[in-house]
PDB file of all heavy atoms in Angstrom:
ATOM      1  N   ASN A   1    -153.655-210.567 127.924  1.00  0.00           N
ATOM      2  CA  ASN A   1    -153.159-209.460 127.114  1.00  0.00           C
ATOM      3  C   ASN A   1    -154.266-208.861 126.252  1.00  0.00           C
ATOM      4  O   ASN A   1    -154.454-207.615 126.239  1.00  0.00           O
ATOM      5  CB  ASN A   1    -151.996-209.908 126.216  1.00  0.00           C
ATOM      6  CG  ASN A   1    -150.646-209.855 126.928  1.00  0.00           C
ATOM      7  OD1 ASN A   1    -150.570-209.465 128.080  1.00  0.00           O
ATOM      8  ND2 ASN A   1    -149.618-210.297 126.251  1.00  0.00           N
ATOM      9  N   ALA A   2    -154.987-209.675 125.540  1.00  0.00           N
ATOM     10  CA  ALA A   2    -156.061-209.157 124.693  1.00  0.00           C
ATOM     11  C   ALA A   2    -157.169-208.548 125.516  1.00  0.00           C
ATOM     12  O   ALA A   2    -157.716-207.466 125.138  1.00  0.00           O
ATOM     13  CB  ALA A   2    -156.623-210.265 123.802  1.00  0.00           C
ATOM     14  N   ALA A   3    -157.468-209.092 126.671  1.00  0.00           N
ATOM     15  CA  ALA A   3    -158.503-208.523 127.529  1.00  0.00           C
ATOM     16  C   ALA A   3    -158.104-207.129 128.050  1.00  0.00           C
ATOM     17  O   ALA A   3    -158.928-206.195 128.065  1.00  0.00           O
ATOM     18  CB  ALA A   3    -158.790-209.452 128.723  1.00  0.00           C
ATOM     19  N   VAL A   4    -156.856-206.970 128.426  1.00  0.00           N
ATOM     20  CA  VAL A   4    -156.370-205.653 128.878  1.00  0.00           C
ATOM     21  C   VAL A   4    -156.438-204.647 127.736  1.00  0.00           C
ATOM     22  O   VAL A   4    -156.943-203.536 127.922  1.00  0.00           O
ATOM     23  CB  VAL A   4    -154.931-205.768 129.481  1.00  0.00           C
ATOM     24  CG1 VAL A   4    -154.390-204.370 129.774  1.00  0.00           C
ATOM     25  CG2 VAL A   4    -154.948-206.604 130.729  1.00  0.00           C
ATOM     26  N   LEU A   5    -155.947-205.036 126.581  1.00  0.00           N
ATOM     27  CA  LEU A   5    -155.984-204.147 125.422  1.00  0.00           C
ATOM     28  C   LEU A   5    -157.436-203.791 125.090  1.00  0.00           C
ATOM     29  O   LEU A   5    -157.752-202.605 124.819  1.00  0.00           O
ATOM     30  CB  LEU A   5    -155.289-204.752 124.215  1.00  0.00           C
ATOM     31  CG  LEU A   5    -153.786-204.894 124.322  1.00  0.00           C
ATOM     32  CD1 LEU A   5    -153.216-205.780 123.239  1.00  0.00           C
ATOM     33  CD2 LEU A   5    -153.109-203.533 124.290  1.00  0.00           C
ATOM     34  N   GLY A   6    -158.299-204.785 125.120  1.00  0.00           N
ATOM     35  CA  GLY A   6    -159.695-204.513 124.828  1.00  0.00           C
ATOM     36  C   GLY A   6    -160.343-203.590 125.805  1.00  0.00           C
ATOM     37  O   GLY A   6    -161.138-202.718 125.443  1.00  0.00           O
ATOM     38  N   SER A   7    -159.995-203.679 127.078  1.00  0.00           N
ATOM     39  CA  SER A   7    -160.581-202.815 128.095  1.00  0.00           C
ATOM     40  C   SER A   7    -160.123-201.365 127.838  1.00  0.00           C
ATOM     41  O   SER A   7    -160.873-200.434 128.148  1.00  0.00           O
ATOM     42  CB  SER A   7    -160.227-203.278 129.494  1.00  0.00           C
ATOM     43  OG  SER A   7    -158.894-202.985 129.827  1.00  0.00           O
ATOM     44  N   LEU A   8    -158.936-201.174 127.307  1.00  0.00           N
ATOM     45  CA  LEU A   8    -158.428-199.828 127.027  1.00  0.00           C
ATOM     46  C   LEU A   8    -158.909-199.299 125.690  1.00  0.00           C
ATOM     47  O   LEU A   8    -158.722-198.128 125.388  1.00  0.00           O
ATOM     48  CB  LEU A   8    -156.908-199.816 127.102  1.00  0.00           C
ATOM     49  CG  LEU A   8    -156.336-200.025 128.484  1.00  0.00           C
ATOM     50  CD1 LEU A   8    -154.814-200.148 128.447  1.00  0.00           C
ATOM     51  CD2 LEU A   8    -156.712-198.858 129.418  1.00  0.00           C
ATOM     52  N   SER A   9    -159.587-200.110 124.916  1.00  0.00           N
ATOM     53  CA  SER A   9    -160.124-199.644 123.626  1.00  0.00           C
ATOM     54  C   SER A   9    -161.235-198.617 123.816  1.00  0.00           C
ATOM     55  O   SER A   9    -161.558-197.884 122.901  1.00  0.00           O
ATOM     56  CB  SER A   9    -160.630-200.790 122.761  1.00  0.00           C
ATOM     57  OG  SER A   9    -161.798-201.390 123.336  1.00  0.00           O
ATOM     58  N   HIS A  10    -161.768-198.571 125.013  1.00  0.00           N
ATOM     59  CA  HIS A  10    -162.838-197.606 125.304  1.00  0.00           C
ATOM     60  C   HIS A  10    -162.312-196.280 125.825  1.00  0.00           C
ATOM     61  O   HIS A  10    -163.076-195.391 126.106  1.00  0.00           O
ATOM     62  CB  HIS A  10    -163.824-198.214 126.327  1.00  0.00           C
ATOM     63  CG  HIS A  10    -164.370-199.504 125.870  1.00  0.00           C
ATOM     64  ND1 HIS A  10    -165.204-199.669 124.786  1.00  0.00           N
ATOM     65  CD2 HIS A  10    -164.162-200.760 126.340  1.00  0.00           C
ATOM     66  CE1 HIS A  10    -165.540-200.952 124.632  1.00  0.00           C
ATOM     67  NE2 HIS A  10    -164.895-201.624 125.565  1.00  0.00           N
ATOM     68  N   GLY A  11    -161.005-196.210 125.990  1.00  0.00           N
ATOM     69  CA  GLY A  11    -160.372-194.965 126.452  1.00  0.00           C
ATOM     70  C   GLY A  11    -159.460-195.240 127.631  1.00  0.00           C
ATOM     71  O   GLY A  11    -159.390-196.355 128.152  1.00  0.00           O
ATOM     72  N   PRO A  12    -158.677-194.225 128.032  1.00  0.00           N
ATOM     73  CA  PRO A  12    -157.744-194.367 129.125  1.00  0.00           C
ATOM     74  C   PRO A  12    -158.450-194.814 130.412  1.00  0.00           C
ATOM     75  O   PRO A  12    -159.619-194.481 130.624  1.00  0.00           O
ATOM     76  CB  PRO A  12    -157.138-192.971 129.278  1.00  0.00           C
ATOM     77  CG  PRO A  12    -157.385-192.298 127.976  1.00  0.00           C
ATOM     78  CD  PRO A  12    -158.660-192.876 127.452  1.00  0.00           C
ATOM     79  N   ALA A  13    -157.698-195.548 131.242  1.00  0.00           N
ATOM     80  CA  ALA A  13    -158.308-196.033 132.491  1.00  0.00           C
ATOM     81  C   ALA A  13    -157.196-196.251 133.509  1.00  0.00           C
ATOM     82  O   ALA A  13    -156.026-196.470 133.176  1.00  0.00           O
ATOM     83  CB  ALA A  13    -159.036-197.336 132.243  1.00  0.00           C
ATOM     84  N   GLY A  14    -157.588-196.206 134.766  1.00  0.00           N
ATOM     85  CA  GLY A  14    -156.682-196.479 135.839  1.00  0.00           C
ATOM     86  C   GLY A  14    -156.670-197.963 136.180  1.00  0.00           C
ATOM     87  O   GLY A  14    -157.484-198.756 135.642  1.00  0.00           O
ATOM     88  N   PHE A  15    -155.766-198.365 137.059  1.00  0.00           N
ATOM     89  CA  PHE A  15    -155.599-199.769 137.408  1.00  0.00           C
ATOM     90  C   PHE A  15    -156.899-200.368 137.894  1.00  0.00           C
ATOM     91  O   PHE A  15    -157.296-201.452 137.450  1.00  0.00           O
ATOM     92  CB  PHE A  15    -154.509-199.890 138.494  1.00  0.00           C
ATOM     93  CG  PHE A  15    -154.137-201.305 138.821  1.00  0.00           C
ATOM     94  CD1 PHE A  15    -153.087-201.916 138.147  1.00  0.00           C
ATOM     95  CD2 PHE A  15    -154.843-202.028 139.770  1.00  0.00           C
ATOM     96  CE1 PHE A  15    -152.729-203.247 138.450  1.00  0.00           C
ATOM     97  CE2 PHE A  15    -154.502-203.347 140.044  1.00  0.00           C
ATOM     98  CZ  PHE A  15    -153.471-203.953 139.390  1.00  0.00           C
ATOM     99  N   ARG A  16    -157.567-199.727 138.870  1.00  0.00           N
ATOM    100  CA  ARG A  16    -158.806-200.264 139.433  1.00  0.00           C
ATOM    101  C   ARG A  16    -159.904-200.434 138.409  1.00  0.00           C
ATOM    102  O   ARG A  16    -160.644-201.417 138.385  1.00  0.00           O
ATOM    103  CB  ARG A  16    -159.331-199.385 140.565  1.00  0.00           C
ATOM    104  CG  ARG A  16    -158.649-199.611 141.868  1.00  0.00           C
ATOM    105  CD  ARG A  16    -159.057-200.955 142.501  1.00  0.00           C
ATOM    106  NE  ARG A  16    -157.871-201.513 143.104  1.00  0.00           N
ATOM    107  CZ  ARG A  16    -157.392-202.736 142.928  1.00  0.00           C
ATOM    108  NH1 ARG A  16    -157.993-203.597 142.137  1.00  0.00           N
ATOM    109  NH2 ARG A  16    -156.303-203.155 143.479  1.00  0.00           N
ATOM    110  N   GLU A  17    -160.029-199.449 137.512  1.00  0.00           N
ATOM    111  CA  GLU A  17    -161.044-199.503 136.488  1.00  0.00           C
ATOM    112  C   GLU A  17    -160.800-200.683 135.528  1.00  0.00           C
ATOM    113  O   GLU A  17    -161.719-201.403 135.153  1.00  0.00           O
ATOM    114  CB  GLU A  17    -161.072-198.182 135.700  1.00  0.00           C
ATOM    115  CG  GLU A  17    -162.205-198.051 134.733  1.00  0.00           C
ATOM    116  CD  GLU A  17    -162.216-196.699 134.037  1.00  0.00           C
ATOM    117  OE1 GLU A  17    -161.374-195.830 134.357  1.00  0.00           O
ATOM    118  OE2 GLU A  17    -163.065-196.545 133.167  1.00  0.00           O
ATOM    119  N   ILE A  18    -159.539-200.916 135.157  1.00  0.00           N
ATOM    120  CA  ILE A  18    -159.186-202.028 134.315  1.00  0.00           C
ATOM    121  C   ILE A  18    -159.470-203.345 135.041  1.00  0.00           C
ATOM    122  O   ILE A  18    -160.069-204.245 134.484  1.00  0.00           O
ATOM    123  CB  ILE A  18    -157.716-201.970 133.881  1.00  0.00           C
ATOM    124  CG1 ILE A  18    -157.467-200.690 133.052  1.00  0.00           C
ATOM    125  CG2 ILE A  18    -157.330-203.187 133.076  1.00  0.00           C
ATOM    126  CD1 ILE A  18    -155.985-200.403 132.845  1.00  0.00           C
ATOM    127  N   SER A  19    -159.076-203.409 136.300  1.00  0.00           N
ATOM    128  CA  SER A  19    -159.298-204.603 137.090  1.00  0.00           C
ATOM    129  C   SER A  19    -160.744-204.939 137.185  1.00  0.00           C
ATOM    130  O   SER A  19    -161.135-206.132 137.081  1.00  0.00           O
ATOM    131  CB  SER A  19    -158.685-204.392 138.481  1.00  0.00           C
ATOM    132  OG  SER A  19    -158.913-205.502 139.318  1.00  0.00           O
ATOM    133  N   ARG A  20    -161.608-203.956 137.413  1.00  0.00           N
ATOM    134  CA  ARG A  20    -163.049-204.204 137.542  1.00  0.00           C
ATOM    135  C   ARG A  20    -163.646-204.650 136.168  1.00  0.00           C
ATOM    136  O   ARG A  20    -164.632-205.378 136.182  1.00  0.00           O
ATOM    137  CB  ARG A  20    -163.769-202.944 138.024  1.00  0.00           C
ATOM    138  CG  ARG A  20    -163.650-202.747 139.515  1.00  0.00           C
ATOM    139  CD  ARG A  20    -164.592-201.651 139.999  1.00  0.00           C
ATOM    140  NE  ARG A  20    -164.273-200.361 139.439  1.00  0.00           N
ATOM    141  CZ  ARG A  20    -163.494-199.425 139.993  1.00  0.00           C
ATOM    142  NH1 ARG A  20    -162.904-199.686 141.146  1.00  0.00           N
ATOM    143  NH2 ARG A  20    -163.234-198.306 139.386  1.00  0.00           N
ATOM    144  N   SER A  21    -163.054-204.221 135.091  1.00  0.00           N
ATOM    145  CA  SER A  21    -163.616-204.537 133.780  1.00  0.00           C
ATOM    146  C   SER A  21    -163.245-205.972 133.295  1.00  0.00           C
ATOM    147  O   SER A  21    -163.835-206.484 132.352  1.00  0.00           O
ATOM    148  CB  SER A  21    -163.208-203.535 132.718  1.00  0.00           C
ATOM    149  OG  SER A  21    -161.839-203.711 132.372  1.00  0.00           O
ATOM    150  N   ILE A  22    -162.247-206.594 133.961  1.00  0.00           N
ATOM    151  CA  ILE A  22    -161.803-207.940 133.579  1.00  0.00           C
ATOM    152  C   ILE A  22    -162.060-208.889 134.737  1.00  0.00           C
ATOM    153  O   ILE A  22    -161.339-208.868 135.726  1.00  0.00           O
ATOM    154  CB  ILE A  22    -160.321-207.932 133.191  1.00  0.00           C
ATOM    155  CG1 ILE A  22    -160.054-206.920 132.089  1.00  0.00           C
ATOM    156  CG2 ILE A  22    -159.882-209.342 132.746  1.00  0.00           C
ATOM    157  CD1 ILE A  22    -158.577-206.709 131.798  1.00  0.00           C
ATOM    158  N   GLU A  23    -163.046-209.737 134.609  1.00  0.00           N
ATOM    159  CA  GLU A  23    -163.386-210.671 135.659  1.00  0.00           C
ATOM    160  C   GLU A  23    -162.276-211.683 135.894  1.00  0.00           C
ATOM    161  O   GLU A  23    -161.636-212.119 134.952  1.00  0.00           O
ATOM    162  CB  GLU A  23    -164.660-211.424 135.329  1.00  0.00           C
ATOM    163  CG  GLU A  23    -165.924-210.576 135.347  1.00  0.00           C
ATOM    164  CD  GLU A  23    -167.151-211.400 135.057  1.00  0.00           C
ATOM    165  OE1 GLU A  23    -167.152-212.609 135.330  1.00  0.00           O
ATOM    166  OE2 GLU A  23    -168.097-210.820 134.543  1.00  0.00           O
ATOM    167  N   ARG A  24    -162.008-211.992 137.121  1.00  0.00           N
ATOM    168  CA  ARG A  24    -161.101-213.062 137.560  1.00  0.00           C
ATOM    169  C   ARG A  24    -159.627-212.790 137.338  1.00  0.00           C
ATOM    170  O   ARG A  24    -158.795-213.677 137.446  1.00  0.00           O
ATOM    171  CB  ARG A  24    -161.477-214.400 136.908  1.00  0.00           C
ATOM    172  CG  ARG A  24    -162.836-214.892 137.276  1.00  0.00           C
ATOM    173  CD  ARG A  24    -163.150-216.233 136.703  1.00  0.00           C
ATOM    174  NE  ARG A  24    -162.917-216.372 135.292  1.00  0.00           N
ATOM    175  CZ  ARG A  24    -163.831-216.243 134.359  1.00  0.00           C
ATOM    176  NH1 ARG A  24    -165.067-215.967 134.647  1.00  0.00           N
ATOM    177  NH2 ARG A  24    -163.498-216.350 133.075  1.00  0.00           N
ATOM    178  N   ILE A  25    -159.230-211.545 137.026  1.00  0.00           N
ATOM    179  CA  ILE A  25    -157.773-211.273 136.922  1.00  0.00           C
ATOM    180  C   ILE A  25    -157.282-210.757 138.269  1.00  0.00           C
ATOM    181  O   ILE A  25    -157.925-209.920 138.914  1.00  0.00           O
ATOM    182  CB  ILE A  25    -157.480-210.250 135.773  1.00  0.00           C
ATOM    183  CG1 ILE A  25    -155.962-210.180 135.552  1.00  0.00           C
ATOM    184  CG2 ILE A  25    -158.055-208.899 136.096  1.00  0.00           C
ATOM    185  CD1 ILE A  25    -155.571-209.398 134.315  1.00  0.00           C
ATOM    186  N   SER A  26    -156.183-211.327 138.714  1.00  0.00           N
ATOM    187  CA  SER A  26    -155.637-210.889 140.019  1.00  0.00           C
ATOM    188  C   SER A  26    -154.830-209.582 139.829  1.00  0.00           C
ATOM    189  O   SER A  26    -154.416-209.277 138.717  1.00  0.00           O
ATOM    190  CB  SER A  26    -154.707-211.975 140.615  1.00  0.00           C
ATOM    191  OG  SER A  26    -153.529-212.067 139.821  1.00  0.00           O
ATOM    192  N   ASP A  27    -154.665-208.854 140.900  1.00  0.00           N
ATOM    193  CA  ASP A  27    -153.924-207.610 140.785  1.00  0.00           C
ATOM    194  C   ASP A  27    -152.497-207.849 140.350  1.00  0.00           C
ATOM    195  O   ASP A  27    -151.950-207.060 139.568  1.00  0.00           O
ATOM    196  CB  ASP A  27    -153.929-206.891 142.161  1.00  0.00           C
ATOM    197  CG  ASP A  27    -155.253-206.227 142.493  1.00  0.00           C
ATOM    198  OD1 ASP A  27    -156.159-206.220 141.594  1.00  0.00           O
ATOM    199  OD2 ASP A  27    -155.396-205.719 143.600  1.00  0.00           O
ATOM    200  N   SER A  28    -151.820-208.905 140.811  1.00  0.00           N
ATOM    201  CA  SER A  28    -150.454-209.143 140.456  1.00  0.00           C
ATOM    202  C   SER A  28    -150.364-209.493 138.943  1.00  0.00           C
ATOM    203  O   SER A  28    -149.410-209.035 138.256  1.00  0.00           O
ATOM    204  CB  SER A  28    -149.806-210.269 141.307  1.00  0.00           C
ATOM    205  OG  SER A  28    -150.478-211.491 141.128  1.00  0.00           O
ATOM    206  N   VAL A  29    -151.270-210.285 138.460  1.00  0.00           N
ATOM    207  CA  VAL A  29    -151.252-210.637 137.021  1.00  0.00           C
ATOM    208  C   VAL A  29    -151.550-209.387 136.175  1.00  0.00           C
ATOM    209  O   VAL A  29    -150.870-209.144 135.186  1.00  0.00           O
ATOM    210  CB  VAL A  29    -152.275-211.756 136.715  1.00  0.00           C
ATOM    211  CG1 VAL A  29    -152.407-211.962 135.201  1.00  0.00           C
ATOM    212  CG2 VAL A  29    -151.805-213.053 137.388  1.00  0.00           C
TER     213      VAL A  29
END
């Protein structure tokens, strides 16, 4: 949760961009 929020602190992003910014998170999670 914190990692996703942190990744969006830099501005809006799409699913793939968020996924690439967080190592080891699966698409389903």
